[in-house]
Amino acid sequence: MKLNDFRTFFNKELENIYPKKEIDTFFFRIIEAKMKLDTTAVFTKGDTKITDKKLAELTIITERLKTEEPLQYILGNTEFYGYNFEVNPNVLIPRPETEELITWIKTSYLENTNVKILDIGTGSGCIPITIKKEIPSANVFALDISKKAIETAKKNAENNNVDVTFLLHDILSEKKLESTFDIIVSNPPYVRNLEKKEIKNNVLNNEPHLALFVADNNPLIFYKRIADVAKYALNANGILFFEINQYLGKETKEMLISKGYKNVILKQDLFGNDRMIKANL
C-alpha cells in the first residue's frame, strides 16, 4: 500500500470518531514517528510504498485509536515544552496549560543560584524536569504517591539528562517533609466527579483517575493540604504555585488568603480560563 492510500484508509476509519483536524494531527505524528517522514514529505512523497510489516504496525495503531486510546500512550511519548517525555497509563499526559505554569515560574523564581524547588504530585515528571532544563542552577525535588509514576519520572529525568530527586510520598499523610524549599509547585487532582460529563472518553477511560478526580464535597482537598504543608516547608519569601480547576479559581484564592498567604495572584491561561495561582508566604 502507498502512503496516500493509507491516509485515505486512516481517515475513513476514524472519521466518525474524531474531527478532521485531529485526524490529520494523528496521521502526521504517526507517520513521522513510524516512517520518519515529516509533514512536507507526506505531501511530496505520497507514492512511498509502505512495507507489509510497517503497514501491519500502522493498522494496529489505527485500531487502537478507534477505541479512543490516547495517541500519546500508543506511541509511548509526548512533547512538553520542547522536550520529549515517556508517558503511559500510570501518568497523566502533560497539557499545554502546564507549560504556561512553567513559564510563570521561570519569570518569577528567586534570583538565587541555590534555589530549591519541589513539585508535588509529579506524575511523568514533566514539571520538575522542565524546570531543571530551563533553570539548570536550581536544586529540584519531586514527589508522588504512585511508585509506578515515580519510575516513569525517573526514566524521563535520565532521558532528558537532568538530576532531579524523586520521593515516594503521600502528601495527604501527616508525615512532614524533611526539607524546606524556595518554591513549591503542584498540579494536583482537581476534577470533580460532577465534571466527568465534560471529560472526553480518551481521558476518562485511559488516564489514571487517582491523578484526576476529587470528591464533589471536598474539591480543594489537595490544595488545602499542600497550602498547610507549604506553611512550614517554604523558606522565608518562598513562593507557592498551583495549577487549578478553572471553575474554582475564586475559591482557591480565598482559601490561600484565609491561610495567611500574601500577594495571591490568579492567572488565566491562553484560553481565558482561571488556570494557575501564585502566592507568597
C-alpha atoms as a PDB file:
ATOM      1  CA  MET A   1       0.000   0.000   0.000  1.00  0.00           C
ATOM      2  CA  LYS A   2       1.167   3.523  -0.800  1.00  0.00           C
ATOM      3  CA  LEU A   3       1.256   6.310   1.771  1.00  0.00           C
ATOM      4  CA  ASN A   4      -1.597   8.207   0.080  1.00  0.00           C
ATOM      5  CA  ASP A   5      -3.753   5.093   0.087  1.00  0.00           C
ATOM      6  CA  PHE A   6      -3.102   4.503   3.769  1.00  0.00           C
ATOM      7  CA  ARG A   7      -4.046   8.082   4.535  1.00  0.00           C
ATOM      8  CA  THR A   8      -7.388   7.559   2.781  1.00  0.00           C
ATOM      9  CA  PHE A   9      -7.938   4.373   4.782  1.00  0.00           C
ATOM     10  CA  PHE A  10      -6.894   6.095   8.036  1.00  0.00           C
ATOM     11  CA  ASN A  11      -9.320   8.974   7.516  1.00  0.00           C
ATOM     12  CA  LYS A  12     -12.195   6.670   6.665  1.00  0.00           C
ATOM     13  CA  GLU A  13     -11.633   4.506   9.750  1.00  0.00           C
ATOM     14  CA  LEU A  14     -11.603   7.459  12.145  1.00  0.00           C
ATOM     15  CA  GLU A  15     -13.958   9.983  10.519  1.00  0.00           C
ATOM     16  CA  ASN A  16     -16.928   9.097  12.743  1.00  0.00           C
ATOM     17  CA  ILE A  17     -14.888   9.317  15.955  1.00  0.00           C
ATOM     18  CA  TYR A  18     -12.642  12.375  15.684  1.00  0.00           C
ATOM     19  CA  PRO A  19     -12.768  15.805  13.990  1.00  0.00           C
ATOM     20  CA  LYS A  20     -10.912  16.043  10.674  1.00  0.00           C
ATOM     21  CA  LYS A  21      -8.239  18.349  12.097  1.00  0.00           C
ATOM     22  CA  GLU A  22      -7.480  15.921  14.910  1.00  0.00           C
ATOM     23  CA  ILE A  23      -7.277  13.010  12.473  1.00  0.00           C
ATOM     24  CA  ASP A  24      -4.736  14.951  10.408  1.00  0.00           C
ATOM     25  CA  THR A  25      -2.700  15.686  13.527  1.00  0.00           C
ATOM     26  CA  PHE A  26      -2.733  11.987  14.432  1.00  0.00           C
ATOM     27  CA  PHE A  27      -1.698  10.977  10.918  1.00  0.00           C
ATOM     28  CA  PHE A  28       1.252  13.363  10.643  1.00  0.00           C
ATOM     29  CA  ARG A  29       2.557  12.393  14.055  1.00  0.00           C
ATOM     30  CA  ILE A  30       2.237   8.661  13.409  1.00  0.00           C
ATOM     31  CA  ILE A  31       3.960   8.854  10.041  1.00  0.00           C
ATOM     32  CA  GLU A  32       6.778  10.929  11.478  1.00  0.00           C
ATOM     33  CA  ALA A  33       7.209   8.543  14.413  1.00  0.00           C
ATOM     34  CA  LYS A  34       6.957   5.305  12.450  1.00  0.00           C
ATOM     35  CA  MET A  35       8.214   6.219   8.967  1.00  0.00           C
ATOM     36  CA  LYS A  36      10.455   9.203   9.749  1.00  0.00           C
ATOM     37  CA  LEU A  37       8.598  11.371   7.229  1.00  0.00           C
ATOM     38  CA  ASP A  38       7.728  14.938   8.195  1.00  0.00           C
ATOM     39  CA  THR A  39       4.582  16.810   7.181  1.00  0.00           C
ATOM     40  CA  THR A  40       6.131  18.101   3.960  1.00  0.00           C
ATOM     41  CA  ALA A  41       7.171  14.588   2.958  1.00  0.00           C
ATOM     42  CA  VAL A  42       3.611  13.352   3.459  1.00  0.00           C
ATOM     43  CA  PHE A  43       2.513  15.691   0.678  1.00  0.00           C
ATOM     44  CA  THR A  44       5.530  15.288  -1.600  1.00  0.00           C
ATOM     45  CA  LYS A  45       6.141  11.555  -1.171  1.00  0.00           C
ATOM     46  CA  GLY A  46       2.601  10.213  -1.237  1.00  0.00           C
ATOM     47  CA  ASP A  47       3.659   7.416  -3.585  1.00  0.00           C
ATOM     48  CA  THR A  48       6.028   5.975  -0.979  1.00  0.00           C
ATOM     49  CA  LYS A  49       5.325   2.266  -0.607  1.00  0.00           C
ATOM     50  CA  ILE A  50       4.649   1.045   2.911  1.00  0.00           C
ATOM     51  CA  THR A  51       6.143  -2.365   3.677  1.00  0.00           C
ATOM     52  CA  ASP A  52       3.808  -5.101   4.848  1.00  0.00           C
ATOM     53  CA  LYS A  53       5.462  -5.117   8.280  1.00  0.00           C
ATOM     54  CA  LYS A  54       5.105  -1.363   8.680  1.00  0.00           C
ATOM     55  CA  LEU A  55       1.547  -1.445   7.364  1.00  0.00           C
ATOM     56  CA  ALA A  56       0.612  -4.015   9.991  1.00  0.00           C
ATOM     57  CA  GLU A  57       2.056  -1.738  12.691  1.00  0.00           C
ATOM     58  CA  LEU A  58       0.174   1.306  11.359  1.00  0.00           C
ATOM     59  CA  THR A  59      -3.054  -0.691  11.156  1.00  0.00           C
ATOM     60  CA  ILE A  60      -2.758  -1.731  14.810  1.00  0.00           C
ATOM     61  CA  ILE A  61      -2.304   1.926  15.782  1.00  0.00           C
ATOM     62  CA  THR A  62      -5.409   2.812  13.778  1.00  0.00           C
ATOM     63  CA  GLU A  63      -7.422   0.125  15.572  1.00  0.00           C
ATOM     64  CA  ARG A  64      -6.253   1.387  18.964  1.00  0.00           C
ATOM     65  CA  LEU A  65      -7.249   4.934  18.026  1.00  0.00           C
ATOM     66  CA  LYS A  66     -10.709   3.637  17.161  1.00  0.00           C
ATOM     67  CA  THR A  67     -11.088   2.637  20.818  1.00  0.00           C
ATOM     68  CA  GLU A  68     -10.205   6.264  21.741  1.00  0.00           C
ATOM     69  CA  GLU A  69      -6.942   5.287  23.380  1.00  0.00           C
ATOM     70  CA  PRO A  70      -4.723   8.394  23.551  1.00  0.00           C
ATOM     71  CA  LEU A  71      -2.127   8.537  20.789  1.00  0.00           C
ATOM     72  CA  GLN A  72       0.493   9.563  23.353  1.00  0.00           C
ATOM     73  CA  TYR A  73       0.035   6.264  25.167  1.00  0.00           C
ATOM     74  CA  ILE A  74       0.050   4.331  21.899  1.00  0.00           C
ATOM     75  CA  LEU A  75       3.350   5.892  20.814  1.00  0.00           C
ATOM     76  CA  GLY A  76       4.660   5.920  24.388  1.00  0.00           C
ATOM     77  CA  ASN A  77       5.804   9.526  24.392  1.00  0.00           C
ATOM     78  CA  THR A  78       4.780  13.142  24.001  1.00  0.00           C
ATOM     79  CA  GLU A  79       6.392  16.560  23.684  1.00  0.00           C
ATOM     80  CA  PHE A  80       6.198  19.074  26.508  1.00  0.00           C
ATOM     81  CA  TYR A  81       7.925  22.463  26.474  1.00  0.00           C
ATOM     82  CA  GLY A  82      10.041  21.215  23.572  1.00  0.00           C
ATOM     83  CA  TYR A  83      11.297  18.167  25.480  1.00  0.00           C
ATOM     84  CA  ASN A  84      10.384  14.518  24.993  1.00  0.00           C
ATOM     85  CA  PHE A  85       8.620  12.616  27.784  1.00  0.00           C
ATOM     86  CA  GLU A  86       7.711   8.973  28.097  1.00  0.00           C
ATOM     87  CA  VAL A  87       4.055   8.541  29.045  1.00  0.00           C
ATOM     88  CA  ASN A  88       1.966   5.510  29.922  1.00  0.00           C
ATOM     89  CA  PRO A  89      -1.347   4.803  31.703  1.00  0.00           C
ATOM     90  CA  ASN A  90       0.396   5.279  35.071  1.00  0.00           C
ATOM     91  CA  VAL A  91       0.806   9.025  34.467  1.00  0.00           C
ATOM     92  CA  LEU A  92      -1.256  11.876  33.091  1.00  0.00           C
ATOM     93  CA  ILE A  93      -0.455  13.169  29.638  1.00  0.00           C
ATOM     94  CA  PRO A  94       1.120  16.642  30.073  1.00  0.00           C
ATOM     95  CA  ARG A  95      -1.098  19.531  28.954  1.00  0.00           C
ATOM     96  CA  PRO A  96      -0.194  22.812  27.207  1.00  0.00           C
ATOM     97  CA  GLU A  97      -1.674  24.776  30.110  1.00  0.00           C
ATOM     98  CA  THR A  98       1.017  23.362  32.376  1.00  0.00           C
ATOM     99  CA  GLU A  99       3.638  24.793  30.037  1.00  0.00           C
ATOM    100  CA  GLU A 100       2.220  28.223  30.876  1.00  0.00           C
ATOM    101  CA  LEU A 101       2.679  27.474  34.578  1.00  0.00           C
ATOM    102  CA  ILE A 102       6.348  26.690  33.999  1.00  0.00           C
ATOM    103  CA  THR A 103       6.845  29.930  32.096  1.00  0.00           C
ATOM    104  CA  TRP A 104       5.330  31.806  35.048  1.00  0.00           C
ATOM    105  CA  ILE A 105       7.707  30.066  37.438  1.00  0.00           C
ATOM    106  CA  LYS A 106      10.667  30.905  35.200  1.00  0.00           C
ATOM    107  CA  THR A 107       9.814  34.594  35.234  1.00  0.00           C
ATOM    108  CA  SER A 108       9.179  34.624  38.995  1.00  0.00           C
ATOM    109  CA  TYR A 109      11.789  32.378  40.547  1.00  0.00           C
ATOM    110  CA  LEU A 110      14.146  33.670  43.200  1.00  0.00           C
ATOM    111  CA  GLU A 111      17.407  35.078  41.866  1.00  0.00           C
ATOM    112  CA  ASN A 112      19.424  32.535  43.786  1.00  0.00           C
ATOM    113  CA  THR A 113      21.784  30.000  42.265  1.00  0.00           C
ATOM    114  CA  ASN A 114      20.913  27.587  45.068  1.00  0.00           C
ATOM    115  CA  VAL A 115      17.125  27.900  44.703  1.00  0.00           C
ATOM    116  CA  LYS A 116      15.347  24.735  45.869  1.00  0.00           C
ATOM    117  CA  ILE A 117      12.138  23.735  44.108  1.00  0.00           C
ATOM    118  CA  LEU A 118       9.646  20.981  44.979  1.00  0.00           C
ATOM    119  CA  ASP A 119       6.946  19.593  42.688  1.00  0.00           C
ATOM    120  CA  ILE A 120       4.133  17.770  44.482  1.00  0.00           C
ATOM    121  CA  GLY A 121       2.255  15.079  42.521  1.00  0.00           C
ATOM    122  CA  THR A 122       4.839  14.877  39.770  1.00  0.00           C
ATOM    123  CA  GLY A 123       3.352  12.149  37.531  1.00  0.00           C
ATOM    124  CA  SER A 124       5.545  11.937  34.425  1.00  0.00           C
ATOM    125  CA  GLY A 125       7.969  14.418  35.947  1.00  0.00           C
ATOM    126  CA  CYS A 126       7.250  16.990  33.255  1.00  0.00           C
ATOM    127  CA  ILE A 127       7.221  19.948  35.682  1.00  0.00           C
ATOM    128  CA  PRO A 128      10.435  19.347  37.677  1.00  0.00           C
ATOM    129  CA  ILE A 129      12.385  18.031  34.696  1.00  0.00           C
ATOM    130  CA  THR A 130      11.428  21.007  32.541  1.00  0.00           C
ATOM    131  CA  ILE A 131      12.237  23.424  35.366  1.00  0.00           C
ATOM    132  CA  LYS A 132      15.669  21.815  35.735  1.00  0.00           C
ATOM    133  CA  LYS A 133      16.244  22.082  31.989  1.00  0.00           C
ATOM    134  CA  GLU A 134      15.181  25.737  31.976  1.00  0.00           C
ATOM    135  CA  ILE A 135      16.821  26.701  35.305  1.00  0.00           C
ATOM    136  CA  PRO A 136      19.927  24.456  35.448  1.00  0.00           C
ATOM    137  CA  SER A 137      21.178  26.024  38.692  1.00  0.00           C
ATOM    138  CA  ALA A 138      18.040  25.000  40.576  1.00  0.00           C
ATOM    139  CA  ASN A 139      18.068  22.125  43.054  1.00  0.00           C
ATOM    140  CA  VAL A 140      14.892  20.266  42.091  1.00  0.00           C
ATOM    141  CA  PHE A 141      12.847  17.701  44.016  1.00  0.00           C
ATOM    142  CA  ALA A 142       9.574  15.947  43.192  1.00  0.00           C
ATOM    143  CA  LEU A 143       7.223  13.568  44.940  1.00  0.00           C
ATOM    144  CA  ASP A 144       4.275  11.344  44.097  1.00  0.00           C
ATOM    145  CA  ILE A 145       2.131   8.743  45.827  1.00  0.00           C
ATOM    146  CA  SER A 146       2.451   6.329  42.882  1.00  0.00           C
ATOM    147  CA  LYS A 147       5.540   4.126  42.714  1.00  0.00           C
ATOM    148  CA  LYS A 148       4.934   3.491  39.011  1.00  0.00           C
ATOM    149  CA  ALA A 149       4.670   7.229  38.330  1.00  0.00           C
ATOM    150  CA  ILE A 150       7.983   7.781  40.123  1.00  0.00           C
ATOM    151  CA  GLU A 151       9.572   5.057  37.995  1.00  0.00           C
ATOM    152  CA  THR A 152       8.355   6.800  34.831  1.00  0.00           C
ATOM    153  CA  ALA A 153       9.519  10.206  36.080  1.00  0.00           C
ATOM    154  CA  LYS A 154      12.981   8.864  36.904  1.00  0.00           C
ATOM    155  CA  LYS A 155      13.252   7.435  33.411  1.00  0.00           C
ATOM    156  CA  ASN A 156      12.246  10.791  31.924  1.00  0.00           C
ATOM    157  CA  ALA A 157      14.857  12.597  34.006  1.00  0.00           C
ATOM    158  CA  GLU A 158      17.503  10.191  32.760  1.00  0.00           C
ATOM    159  CA  ASN A 159      16.366  10.557  29.147  1.00  0.00           C
ATOM    160  CA  ASN A 160      16.487  14.351  29.455  1.00  0.00           C
ATOM    161  CA  ASN A 161      19.892  14.294  31.163  1.00  0.00           C
ATOM    162  CA  VAL A 162      18.877  16.140  34.342  1.00  0.00           C
ATOM    163  CA  ASP A 163      19.345  15.470  38.026  1.00  0.00           C
ATOM    164  CA  VAL A 164      16.050  15.549  39.929  1.00  0.00           C
ATOM    165  CA  THR A 165      15.490  13.921  43.327  1.00  0.00           C
ATOM    166  CA  PHE A 166      12.271  11.887  43.353  1.00  0.00           C
ATOM    167  CA  LEU A 167      10.449  10.880  46.534  1.00  0.00           C
ATOM    168  CA  LEU A 168       7.632   8.396  47.137  1.00  0.00           C
ATOM    169  CA  HIS A 169       5.260  10.249  49.455  1.00  0.00           C
ATOM    170  CA  ASP A 170       1.555  10.674  50.181  1.00  0.00           C
ATOM    171  CA  ILE A 171       1.061  14.421  50.629  1.00  0.00           C
ATOM    172  CA  LEU A 172      -2.249  13.805  52.413  1.00  0.00           C
ATOM    173  CA  SER A 173      -0.472  11.873  55.159  1.00  0.00           C
ATOM    174  CA  GLU A 174       0.579  13.522  58.407  1.00  0.00           C
ATOM    175  CA  LYS A 175       4.246  12.891  57.716  1.00  0.00           C
ATOM    176  CA  LYS A 176       6.148  16.162  57.374  1.00  0.00           C
ATOM    177  CA  LEU A 177       8.598  16.917  54.604  1.00  0.00           C
ATOM    178  CA  GLU A 178      12.209  16.607  55.682  1.00  0.00           C
ATOM    179  CA  SER A 179      13.469  19.702  53.899  1.00  0.00           C
ATOM    180  CA  THR A 180      12.487  23.284  53.072  1.00  0.00           C
ATOM    181  CA  PHE A 181      12.174  24.932  49.689  1.00  0.00           C
ATOM    182  CA  ASP A 182      12.148  28.307  47.980  1.00  0.00           C
ATOM    183  CA  ILE A 183       9.388  27.304  45.563  1.00  0.00           C
ATOM    184  CA  ILE A 184       6.698  24.643  45.867  1.00  0.00           C
ATOM    185  CA  VAL A 185       4.621  23.873  42.787  1.00  0.00           C
ATOM    186  CA  SER A 186       1.762  21.440  42.284  1.00  0.00           C
ATOM    187  CA  ASN A 187      -0.738  20.391  39.664  1.00  0.00           C
ATOM    188  CA  PRO A 188      -2.762  18.056  41.899  1.00  0.00           C
ATOM    189  CA  PRO A 189      -6.021  16.197  41.180  1.00  0.00           C
ATOM    190  CA  TYR A 190      -8.795  18.766  40.837  1.00  0.00           C
ATOM    191  CA  VAL A 191     -11.555  17.488  38.550  1.00  0.00           C
ATOM    192  CA  ARG A 192     -14.790  16.996  40.480  1.00  0.00           C
ATOM    193  CA  ASN A 193     -16.850  13.882  39.801  1.00  0.00           C
ATOM    194  CA  LEU A 194     -19.681  16.150  38.669  1.00  0.00           C
ATOM    195  CA  GLU A 195     -17.411  17.361  35.853  1.00  0.00           C
ATOM    196  CA  LYS A 196     -16.844  13.881  34.413  1.00  0.00           C
ATOM    197  CA  LYS A 197     -19.502  14.565  31.786  1.00  0.00           C
ATOM    198  CA  GLU A 198     -17.167  17.223  30.334  1.00  0.00           C
ATOM    199  CA  ILE A 199     -14.253  14.813  30.048  1.00  0.00           C
ATOM    200  CA  LYS A 200     -13.579  13.137  26.710  1.00  0.00           C
ATOM    201  CA  ASN A 201     -13.608   9.350  26.579  1.00  0.00           C
ATOM    202  CA  ASN A 202      -9.926   9.169  25.658  1.00  0.00           C
ATOM    203  CA  VAL A 203      -9.117  10.802  29.005  1.00  0.00           C
ATOM    204  CA  LEU A 204     -11.895   9.311  31.125  1.00  0.00           C
ATOM    205  CA  ASN A 205     -11.267   5.738  30.013  1.00  0.00           C
ATOM    206  CA  ASN A 206      -7.470   5.775  29.910  1.00  0.00           C
ATOM    207  CA  GLU A 207      -5.736   8.298  32.147  1.00  0.00           C
ATOM    208  CA  PRO A 208      -5.232   7.486  35.868  1.00  0.00           C
ATOM    209  CA  HIS A 209      -8.239   8.588  37.925  1.00  0.00           C
ATOM    210  CA  LEU A 210      -6.009   8.843  41.001  1.00  0.00           C
ATOM    211  CA  ALA A 211      -4.312  11.830  39.355  1.00  0.00           C
ATOM    212  CA  LEU A 212      -7.508  13.391  38.009  1.00  0.00           C
ATOM    213  CA  PHE A 213     -10.535  13.288  40.281  1.00  0.00           C
ATOM    214  CA  VAL A 214     -11.577  14.570  43.691  1.00  0.00           C
ATOM    215  CA  ALA A 215     -14.813  14.287  45.637  1.00  0.00           C
ATOM    216  CA  ASP A 216     -17.503  16.854  44.883  1.00  0.00           C
ATOM    217  CA  ASN A 217     -17.841  17.731  48.568  1.00  0.00           C
ATOM    218  CA  ASN A 218     -14.128  18.474  49.079  1.00  0.00           C
ATOM    219  CA  PRO A 219     -12.635  19.539  45.738  1.00  0.00           C
ATOM    220  CA  LEU A 220      -9.788  21.557  47.292  1.00  0.00           C
ATOM    221  CA  ILE A 221      -8.546  18.717  49.489  1.00  0.00           C
ATOM    222  CA  PHE A 222      -5.075  18.661  47.915  1.00  0.00           C
ATOM    223  CA  TYR A 223      -4.772  22.449  47.730  1.00  0.00           C
ATOM    224  CA  LYS A 224      -5.642  22.855  51.398  1.00  0.00           C
ATOM    225  CA  ARG A 225      -3.186  20.173  52.464  1.00  0.00           C
ATOM    226  CA  ILE A 226      -0.367  21.482  50.262  1.00  0.00           C
ATOM    227  CA  ALA A 227      -1.013  25.035  51.463  1.00  0.00           C
ATOM    228  CA  ASP A 228      -0.685  23.784  55.057  1.00  0.00           C
ATOM    229  CA  VAL A 229       2.483  21.830  54.248  1.00  0.00           C
ATOM    230  CA  ALA A 230       3.980  24.832  52.461  1.00  0.00           C
ATOM    231  CA  LYS A 231       3.495  27.000  55.559  1.00  0.00           C
ATOM    232  CA  TYR A 232       6.398  25.144  57.226  1.00  0.00           C
ATOM    233  CA  ALA A 233       8.150  23.783  54.108  1.00  0.00           C
ATOM    234  CA  LEU A 234       8.679  27.120  52.349  1.00  0.00           C
ATOM    235  CA  ASN A 235      11.669  29.261  53.225  1.00  0.00           C
ATOM    236  CA  ALA A 236      11.269  32.960  54.023  1.00  0.00           C
ATOM    237  CA  ASN A 237       9.866  34.791  50.991  1.00  0.00           C
ATOM    238  CA  GLY A 238       9.003  31.418  49.456  1.00  0.00           C
ATOM    239  CA  ILE A 239       6.505  31.108  46.618  1.00  0.00           C
ATOM    240  CA  LEU A 240       3.677  28.605  46.116  1.00  0.00           C
ATOM    241  CA  PHE A 241       2.397  27.859  42.600  1.00  0.00           C
ATOM    242  CA  PHE A 242      -0.703  25.843  41.737  1.00  0.00           C
ATOM    243  CA  GLU A 243      -2.392  24.737  38.548  1.00  0.00           C
ATOM    244  CA  ILE A 244      -6.095  24.827  39.389  1.00  0.00           C
ATOM    245  CA  ASN A 245      -9.609  23.846  38.394  1.00  0.00           C
ATOM    246  CA  GLN A 246     -10.863  26.626  36.122  1.00  0.00           C
ATOM    247  CA  TYR A 247     -14.210  26.648  37.931  1.00  0.00           C
ATOM    248  CA  LEU A 248     -12.688  27.060  41.394  1.00  0.00           C
ATOM    249  CA  GLY A 249     -10.326  29.990  40.933  1.00  0.00           C
ATOM    250  CA  LYS A 250     -12.108  32.294  43.361  1.00  0.00           C
ATOM    251  CA  GLU A 251     -12.490  29.567  45.986  1.00  0.00           C
ATOM    252  CA  THR A 252      -8.822  28.566  45.720  1.00  0.00           C
ATOM    253  CA  LYS A 253      -7.658  32.162  46.030  1.00  0.00           C
ATOM    254  CA  GLU A 254      -9.878  32.786  49.067  1.00  0.00           C
ATOM    255  CA  MET A 255      -8.613  29.591  50.703  1.00  0.00           C
ATOM    256  CA  LEU A 256      -4.987  30.711  50.353  1.00  0.00           C
ATOM    257  CA  ILE A 257      -5.758  34.170  51.739  1.00  0.00           C
ATOM    258  CA  SER A 258      -7.577  32.592  54.704  1.00  0.00           C
ATOM    259  CA  LYS A 259      -4.431  30.581  55.473  1.00  0.00           C
ATOM    260  CA  GLY A 260      -2.318  33.725  55.610  1.00  0.00           C
ATOM    261  CA  TYR A 261      -0.774  33.788  52.157  1.00  0.00           C
ATOM    262  CA  LYS A 262       0.025  37.175  50.650  1.00  0.00           C
ATOM    263  CA  ASN A 263       0.148  38.625  47.128  1.00  0.00           C
ATOM    264  CA  VAL A 264      -2.184  35.877  45.891  1.00  0.00           C
ATOM    265  CA  ILE A 265      -2.443  36.205  42.113  1.00  0.00           C
ATOM    266  CA  LEU A 266      -4.978  34.312  39.994  1.00  0.00           C
ATOM    267  CA  LYS A 267      -3.840  33.957  36.377  1.00  0.00           C
ATOM    268  CA  GLN A 268      -5.724  32.902  33.259  1.00  0.00           C
ATOM    269  CA  ASP A 269      -4.407  30.580  30.565  1.00  0.00           C
ATOM    270  CA  LEU A 270      -4.313  31.316  26.850  1.00  0.00           C
ATOM    271  CA  PHE A 271      -7.964  30.294  26.586  1.00  0.00           C
ATOM    272  CA  GLY A 272      -9.048  32.821  29.228  1.00  0.00           C
ATOM    273  CA  ASN A 273      -9.738  30.223  31.920  1.00  0.00           C
ATOM    274  CA  ASP A 274      -8.641  30.640  35.550  1.00  0.00           C
ATOM    275  CA  ARG A 275      -5.788  28.145  35.477  1.00  0.00           C
ATOM    276  CA  MET A 276      -2.991  28.981  37.931  1.00  0.00           C
ATOM    277  CA  ILE A 277      -2.283  30.742  41.208  1.00  0.00           C
ATOM    278  CA  LYS A 278       0.847  32.207  42.741  1.00  0.00           C
ATOM    279  CA  ALA A 279       1.096  33.071  46.433  1.00  0.00           C
ATOM    280  CA  ASN A 280       3.800  34.291  48.786  1.00  0.00           C
ATOM    281  CA  LEU A 281       4.317  33.065  52.315  1.00  0.00           C
END
